[in-house]
């Protein structure tokens, strides 16, 4: 398949136009939300879009590198103090499943597998794989998860901007010109090696988690001392935004009325459940309010990490909670799904 097929050219055009609108209007996270909304708008009017394939995945590795660079000996030493909030993650997942599965099964009328894996707040690709193996509707699950992520990741920056008065249009790091070329090259190598190594061993979320692990090792060893330059993080944001928005290509009127509305309704349900857990977590932890909010909002792990990076939150704290959530879901979901199905 051509790297720049007609569909991919349209996708890039939609993403660039969306980004330009967000930049012109001074809206938060223009390089993440702009491509998402731009691709969504093109898809709704019938444009055939397509994800960016290996090229997009390559640029997503930059986010894993950015997260991994925050893993320092000082950060690791603080992990035990996060025990109370980390212990809430399995409780949160259980609560989500207890509410989400009946919502999709009884109210929305989906079959068992589609309802269960639509409700699970795990990694998108992993839930689609599990759901397909269980006989679920992959298209429906993809739209529901994409809508959940899109809704939460769109609303969260707006709240942070207009309630917490944070500037989410600022650069997420220093310019590339201030880095030695060898350090940028090392980050890129760590990203690719972590991604491909993660794929080889079957690591979930290999394109982000693999680079995260590889870069964290270099950071802990004192080889890497800083976050990637702003340009690398901006590019990662752009392609993550495309990956979410392009999932709406070929969307029909029925899918908009049923699947996307179901995803929006579920995002509201998840937000309400999140507020309950966040209130409890704030009483159990000395972590900052912003850190706790971003740790328990069930958007995509990559998308919430981007928000944390730009907002100046404790990225390691936020990502630790999201990774644990995904790990719990991936480990438990297939077992519980079979039990429910029986």
Protein backbone atom coordinates (compact mmCIF):
# COMPACT_ATOMS: atom_id res chain seq x y z
CA UNK A 1 0.00 0.00 0.00
CA UNK A 2 1.32 3.44 -0.90
CA UNK A 3 2.65 5.48 1.97
CA UNK A 4 0.70 8.52 0.70
CA UNK A 5 -2.45 7.08 -0.84
CA UNK A 6 -5.28 9.42 -1.78
CA UNK A 7 -7.07 8.57 1.47
CA UNK A 8 -3.98 9.38 3.52
CA UNK A 9 -3.50 12.69 1.71
CA UNK A 10 -7.10 13.57 2.62
CA UNK A 11 -6.41 12.51 6.21
CA UNK A 12 -3.35 14.75 6.45
CA UNK A 13 -5.30 17.63 4.89
CA UNK A 14 -8.13 17.19 7.41
CA UNK A 15 -5.65 17.02 10.29
CA UNK A 16 -3.76 20.12 9.12
CA UNK A 17 -6.96 22.12 8.66
CA UNK A 18 -8.20 21.12 12.10
CA UNK A 19 -4.85 22.10 13.61
CA UNK A 20 -4.90 25.47 11.82
CA UNK A 21 -8.38 26.24 13.14
CA UNK A 22 -7.35 25.39 16.71
CA UNK A 23 -4.18 27.48 16.43
CA UNK A 24 -6.03 30.45 14.93
CA UNK A 25 -8.73 30.29 17.64
CA UNK A 26 -6.19 29.86 20.44
CA UNK A 27 -7.86 26.62 21.57
CA UNK A 28 -6.06 24.16 23.91
CA UNK A 29 -3.88 21.32 22.61
CA UNK A 30 -4.13 22.36 18.95
CA UNK A 31 -1.78 19.63 17.74
CA UNK A 32 -3.77 16.87 19.45
CA UNK A 33 -7.39 18.02 19.34
CA UNK A 34 -7.07 19.79 15.99
CA UNK A 35 -6.29 16.59 14.03
CA UNK A 36 -8.95 14.67 15.97
CA UNK A 37 -11.72 17.13 15.23
CA UNK A 38 -10.53 17.81 11.69
CA UNK A 39 -10.57 14.11 10.77
CA UNK A 40 -13.93 13.66 12.51
CA UNK A 41 -15.44 16.53 10.48
CA UNK A 42 -14.14 15.14 7.17
CA UNK A 43 -15.38 11.64 8.04
CA UNK A 44 -18.88 12.88 8.88
CA UNK A 45 -19.23 14.54 5.48
CA UNK A 46 -18.20 11.29 3.78
CA UNK A 47 -14.48 11.65 3.07
CA UNK A 48 -12.59 8.36 2.92
CA UNK A 49 -9.80 8.67 5.50
CA UNK A 50 -7.06 6.25 6.44
CA UNK A 51 -4.68 5.93 9.38
CA UNK A 52 -1.02 6.70 8.76
CA UNK A 53 0.18 3.12 9.22
CA UNK A 54 3.81 2.49 10.13
CA UNK A 55 4.75 6.16 9.72
CA UNK A 56 2.12 7.18 12.26
CA UNK A 57 3.21 4.42 14.64
CA UNK A 58 6.84 5.55 14.36
CA UNK A 59 5.96 9.09 15.42
CA UNK A 60 3.79 7.76 18.28
CA UNK A 61 6.95 6.23 19.77
CA UNK A 62 8.10 9.77 20.60
CA UNK A 63 5.40 9.93 23.28
CA UNK A 64 6.73 6.74 24.88
CA UNK A 65 10.19 8.32 24.87
CA UNK A 66 8.81 11.48 26.50
CA UNK A 67 7.11 9.49 29.26
CA UNK A 68 10.11 7.24 29.82
CA UNK A 69 12.40 10.25 30.24
CA UNK A 70 10.39 11.25 33.32
CA UNK A 71 11.28 7.98 35.08
CA UNK A 72 14.18 9.03 37.29
CA UNK A 73 15.61 7.55 40.50
CA UNK A 74 13.84 10.33 42.40
CA UNK A 75 10.51 9.43 40.81
CA UNK A 76 10.93 5.72 41.55
CA UNK A 77 11.59 6.57 45.19
CA UNK A 78 8.18 8.26 45.40
CA UNK A 79 6.21 5.26 44.04
CA UNK A 80 5.46 3.71 47.47
CA UNK A 81 3.71 6.92 48.48
CA UNK A 82 1.26 6.40 45.59
CA UNK A 83 0.08 3.07 47.01
CA UNK A 84 -3.34 4.29 48.23
CA UNK A 85 -4.35 5.76 44.86
CA UNK A 86 -2.88 2.87 42.87
CA UNK A 87 -4.95 0.51 45.02
CA UNK A 88 -8.06 2.38 43.86
CA UNK A 89 -7.41 1.49 40.22
CA UNK A 90 -8.74 -2.12 40.38
CA UNK A 91 -11.76 -0.82 42.32
CA UNK A 92 -12.32 1.78 39.62
CA UNK A 93 -12.13 -0.84 36.87
CA UNK A 94 -14.59 -3.08 38.72
CA UNK A 95 -17.00 -0.17 39.15
CA UNK A 96 -16.75 0.73 35.45
CA UNK A 97 -17.49 -2.84 34.41
CA UNK A 98 -20.41 -3.15 36.82
CA UNK A 99 -22.04 -0.06 35.31
CA UNK A 100 -20.82 -0.20 31.71
CA UNK A 101 -21.67 -3.78 30.78
CA UNK A 102 -25.38 -3.53 31.77
CA UNK A 103 -25.57 -0.17 29.97
CA UNK A 104 -24.38 -1.59 26.66
CA UNK A 105 -26.07 -4.99 27.05
CA UNK A 106 -29.49 -4.09 28.47
CA UNK A 107 -30.01 -0.48 27.42
CA UNK A 108 -28.18 -0.27 24.09
CA UNK A 109 -28.98 -3.85 23.08
CA UNK A 110 -25.52 -5.00 21.99
CA UNK A 111 -24.53 -8.66 22.06
CA UNK A 112 -22.52 -9.96 25.01
CA UNK A 113 -19.02 -9.67 23.52
CA UNK A 114 -19.59 -6.23 21.98
CA UNK A 115 -21.16 -4.91 25.19
CA UNK A 116 -18.42 -6.26 27.44
CA UNK A 117 -15.41 -5.08 25.44
CA UNK A 118 -17.05 -1.72 24.70
CA UNK A 119 -17.39 -1.19 28.46
CA UNK A 120 -13.81 -2.14 29.36
CA UNK A 121 -11.52 0.91 29.68
CA UNK A 122 -8.41 -0.82 28.39
CA UNK A 123 -6.18 -0.11 25.44
CA UNK A 124 -8.18 0.33 22.24
CA UNK A 125 -6.27 -2.20 20.14
CA UNK A 126 -6.25 -4.81 22.88
CA UNK A 127 -10.00 -4.50 23.49
CA UNK A 128 -10.69 -4.78 19.76
CA UNK A 129 -8.56 -7.92 19.50
CA UNK A 130 -10.20 -9.55 22.54
CA UNK A 131 -13.65 -8.47 21.38
CA UNK A 132 -13.15 -9.80 17.86
CA UNK A 133 -11.93 -13.16 19.18
CA UNK A 134 -15.04 -13.31 21.38
CA UNK A 135 -17.32 -12.64 18.39
CA UNK A 136 -17.98 -8.94 18.99
CA UNK A 137 -18.64 -6.25 16.38
CA UNK A 138 -15.22 -4.65 15.80
CA UNK A 139 -16.61 -1.60 14.00
CA UNK A 140 -19.04 -0.83 16.82
CA UNK A 141 -16.40 -1.29 19.52
CA UNK A 142 -13.95 0.91 17.60
CA UNK A 143 -16.47 3.75 17.30
CA UNK A 144 -17.49 3.53 20.97
CA UNK A 145 -13.90 3.56 22.26
CA UNK A 146 -12.86 6.32 19.85
CA UNK A 147 -15.84 8.40 20.97
CA UNK A 148 -15.05 7.81 24.66
CA UNK A 149 -11.46 8.96 24.14
CA UNK A 150 -12.46 11.88 21.90
CA UNK A 151 -15.09 13.16 24.35
CA UNK A 152 -12.94 12.92 27.48
CA UNK A 153 -9.76 14.21 25.86
CA UNK A 154 -11.68 17.14 24.35
CA UNK A 155 -13.52 18.15 27.52
CA UNK A 156 -10.58 17.71 29.93
CA UNK A 157 -8.35 20.38 28.30
CA UNK A 158 -11.28 22.80 28.16
CA UNK A 159 -11.84 22.36 31.91
CA UNK A 160 -8.12 22.69 32.62
CA UNK A 161 -7.94 25.85 30.52
CA UNK A 162 -11.04 27.67 31.74
CA UNK A 163 -11.38 26.29 35.30
CA UNK A 164 -7.74 25.82 36.33
CA UNK A 165 -6.47 28.64 34.07
CA UNK A 166 -3.71 26.48 32.59
CA UNK A 167 -2.08 27.41 29.30
CA UNK A 168 -2.30 24.28 27.13
CA UNK A 169 -1.03 26.03 24.02
CA UNK A 170 2.50 26.42 25.37
CA UNK A 171 5.45 24.35 24.15
CA UNK A 172 5.75 20.99 25.97
CA UNK A 173 9.54 21.21 26.13
CA UNK A 174 12.66 23.01 25.01
CA UNK A 175 13.32 23.57 21.28
CA UNK A 176 15.34 20.95 19.38
CA UNK A 177 18.06 23.54 18.69
CA UNK A 178 19.02 23.46 22.38
CA UNK A 179 19.80 19.71 22.33
CA UNK A 180 23.00 18.00 21.13
CA UNK A 181 22.24 16.01 18.00
CA UNK A 182 23.52 12.78 19.57
CA UNK A 183 20.93 13.01 22.36
CA UNK A 184 18.03 13.39 19.91
CA UNK A 185 19.40 10.51 17.84
CA UNK A 186 19.64 8.36 20.99
CA UNK A 187 16.01 9.11 21.83
CA UNK A 188 14.88 8.10 18.34
CA UNK A 189 16.91 4.88 18.52
CA UNK A 190 15.44 4.09 21.95
CA UNK A 191 11.96 4.68 20.57
CA UNK A 192 12.37 2.39 17.57
CA UNK A 193 14.23 -0.32 19.50
CA UNK A 194 11.63 -0.28 22.28
CA UNK A 195 8.76 -0.39 19.78
CA UNK A 196 10.13 -3.28 17.70
CA UNK A 197 11.40 -5.15 20.74
CA UNK A 198 8.01 -4.77 22.39
CA UNK A 199 6.25 -6.11 19.30
CA UNK A 200 8.56 -9.12 19.18
CA UNK A 201 7.69 -10.19 22.72
CA UNK A 202 3.97 -9.42 22.29
CA UNK A 203 3.93 -6.40 24.60
CA UNK A 204 0.55 -4.63 24.73
CA UNK A 205 0.75 -1.04 23.46
CA UNK A 206 4.24 -1.79 22.11
CA UNK A 207 4.57 1.46 20.16
CA UNK A 208 4.35 3.49 23.36
CA UNK A 209 5.13 1.13 26.22
CA UNK A 210 8.22 -0.34 24.51
CA UNK A 211 9.88 3.08 23.99
CA UNK A 212 8.78 4.04 27.51
CA UNK A 213 10.65 1.08 29.01
CA UNK A 214 13.74 1.56 26.84
CA UNK A 215 13.98 5.28 27.59
CA UNK A 216 13.25 4.77 31.29
CA UNK A 217 16.22 2.39 31.45
CA UNK A 218 18.45 5.02 29.85
CA UNK A 219 17.09 7.70 32.18
CA UNK A 220 17.67 5.58 35.29
CA UNK A 221 21.19 4.82 34.05
CA UNK A 222 21.91 8.53 33.74
CA UNK A 223 22.37 8.43 29.95
CA UNK A 224 19.34 10.60 29.16
CA UNK A 225 18.75 13.63 31.38
CA UNK A 226 15.88 15.49 29.76
CA UNK A 227 12.53 15.19 28.04
CA UNK A 228 12.52 15.10 24.21
CA UNK A 229 12.37 18.47 22.46
CA UNK A 230 9.02 20.14 21.93
CA UNK A 231 9.03 19.33 18.21
CA UNK A 232 9.12 15.57 18.86
CA UNK A 233 6.21 15.78 21.32
CA UNK A 234 4.21 17.97 18.93
CA UNK A 235 4.65 15.44 16.11
CA UNK A 236 3.58 12.61 18.44
CA UNK A 237 0.47 14.59 19.40
CA UNK A 238 -0.40 15.19 15.76
CA UNK A 239 -0.30 11.54 14.77
CA UNK A 240 -2.10 10.39 17.93
CA UNK A 241 -4.86 12.84 17.04
CA UNK A 242 -5.06 11.41 13.53
CA UNK A 243 -5.26 7.84 14.84
CA UNK A 244 -8.39 8.70 16.85
CA UNK A 245 -10.12 10.90 14.28
CA UNK A 246 -9.52 8.59 11.31
CA UNK A 247 -11.48 5.78 12.99
CA UNK A 248 -14.68 7.59 12.01
CA UNK A 249 -14.09 7.11 8.29
CA UNK A 250 -17.06 5.60 6.47
CA UNK A 251 -19.40 6.37 9.35
CA UNK A 252 -23.10 5.96 8.55
CA UNK A 253 -26.16 7.77 9.86
CA UNK A 254 -27.17 4.73 11.91
CA UNK A 255 -23.69 4.50 13.46
CA UNK A 256 -23.88 8.18 14.39
CA UNK A 257 -27.31 7.78 15.97
CA UNK A 258 -26.57 4.54 17.79
CA UNK A 259 -22.86 3.78 18.27
CA UNK A 260 -21.47 7.31 18.58
CA UNK A 261 -24.33 8.42 20.85
CA UNK A 262 -23.76 5.30 22.95
CA UNK A 263 -20.08 6.28 23.21
CA UNK A 264 -20.97 9.83 24.22
CA UNK A 265 -23.46 8.63 26.84
CA UNK A 266 -20.87 6.22 28.19
CA UNK A 267 -18.25 8.98 28.36
CA UNK A 268 -20.66 10.94 30.59
CA UNK A 269 -21.21 7.88 32.78
CA UNK A 270 -17.46 7.35 33.06
CA UNK A 271 -16.91 10.99 33.94
CA UNK A 272 -19.41 10.75 36.80
CA UNK A 273 -17.77 7.55 38.09
CA UNK A 274 -14.38 9.23 37.77
CA UNK A 275 -15.49 12.17 39.90
CA UNK A 276 -16.45 9.79 42.71
CA UNK A 277 -13.09 8.01 42.60
CA UNK A 278 -11.19 11.30 42.27
CA UNK A 279 -12.85 12.67 45.40
CA UNK A 280 -11.86 9.53 47.29
CA UNK A 281 -8.31 9.60 45.90
CA UNK A 282 -7.85 13.23 46.95
CA UNK A 283 -8.63 12.22 50.53
CA UNK A 284 -6.16 9.31 50.40
CA UNK A 285 -3.23 11.03 48.72
CA UNK A 286 -1.07 14.11 49.01
CA UNK A 287 -0.77 14.27 45.22
CA UNK A 288 -1.88 17.46 43.53
CA UNK A 289 -5.47 17.86 42.37
CA UNK A 290 -4.39 18.14 38.72
CA UNK A 291 -2.34 14.93 38.96
CA UNK A 292 -5.22 12.97 40.49
CA UNK A 293 -7.72 14.28 37.95
CA UNK A 294 -5.58 13.25 35.00
CA UNK A 295 -4.73 9.89 36.60
CA UNK A 296 -8.36 8.81 36.89
CA UNK A 297 -10.02 10.32 33.83
CA UNK A 298 -10.47 7.23 31.59
CA UNK A 299 -9.34 8.70 28.31
CA UNK A 300 -6.72 6.89 26.27
CA UNK A 301 -3.40 6.39 28.02
CA UNK A 302 -1.48 8.12 25.22
CA UNK A 303 -3.90 11.03 25.03
CA UNK A 304 -3.97 11.62 28.80
CA UNK A 305 -0.17 11.45 28.88
CA UNK A 306 -0.06 14.24 26.28
CA UNK A 307 -2.40 16.36 28.40
CA UNK A 308 -0.23 15.71 31.47
CA UNK A 309 2.94 16.66 29.61
CA UNK A 310 1.54 19.95 28.33
CA UNK A 311 -0.27 20.81 31.58
CA UNK A 312 2.89 20.39 33.64
CA UNK A 313 1.41 17.59 35.76
CA UNK A 314 3.38 14.77 37.37
CA UNK A 315 3.59 12.63 34.23
CA UNK A 316 5.00 9.59 36.02
CA UNK A 317 2.14 9.63 38.54
CA UNK A 318 -0.50 9.99 35.82
CA UNK A 319 0.96 7.33 33.53
CA UNK A 320 1.49 4.83 36.38
CA UNK A 321 -2.24 4.87 37.12
CA UNK A 322 -3.27 4.56 33.47
CA UNK A 323 -0.83 1.71 32.83
CA UNK A 324 -2.12 -0.13 35.88
CA UNK A 325 -5.71 0.38 34.68
CA UNK A 326 -4.87 -1.06 31.27
CA UNK A 327 -2.89 -3.94 32.82
CA UNK A 328 -5.78 -4.86 35.13
CA UNK A 329 -8.25 -4.79 32.25
CA UNK A 330 -6.05 -6.84 29.91
CA UNK A 331 -5.33 -9.47 32.56
CA UNK A 332 -8.87 -9.78 33.91
CA UNK A 333 -11.17 -8.95 30.99
CA UNK A 334 -10.97 -12.23 29.01
CA UNK A 335 -11.57 -14.29 32.17
CA UNK A 336 -14.49 -12.18 33.35
CA UNK A 337 -15.97 -12.03 29.84
CA UNK A 338 -16.09 -15.82 29.60
CA UNK A 339 -17.63 -16.00 33.08
CA UNK A 340 -20.31 -13.45 32.16
CA UNK A 341 -20.92 -15.18 28.83
CA UNK A 342 -21.48 -18.48 30.61
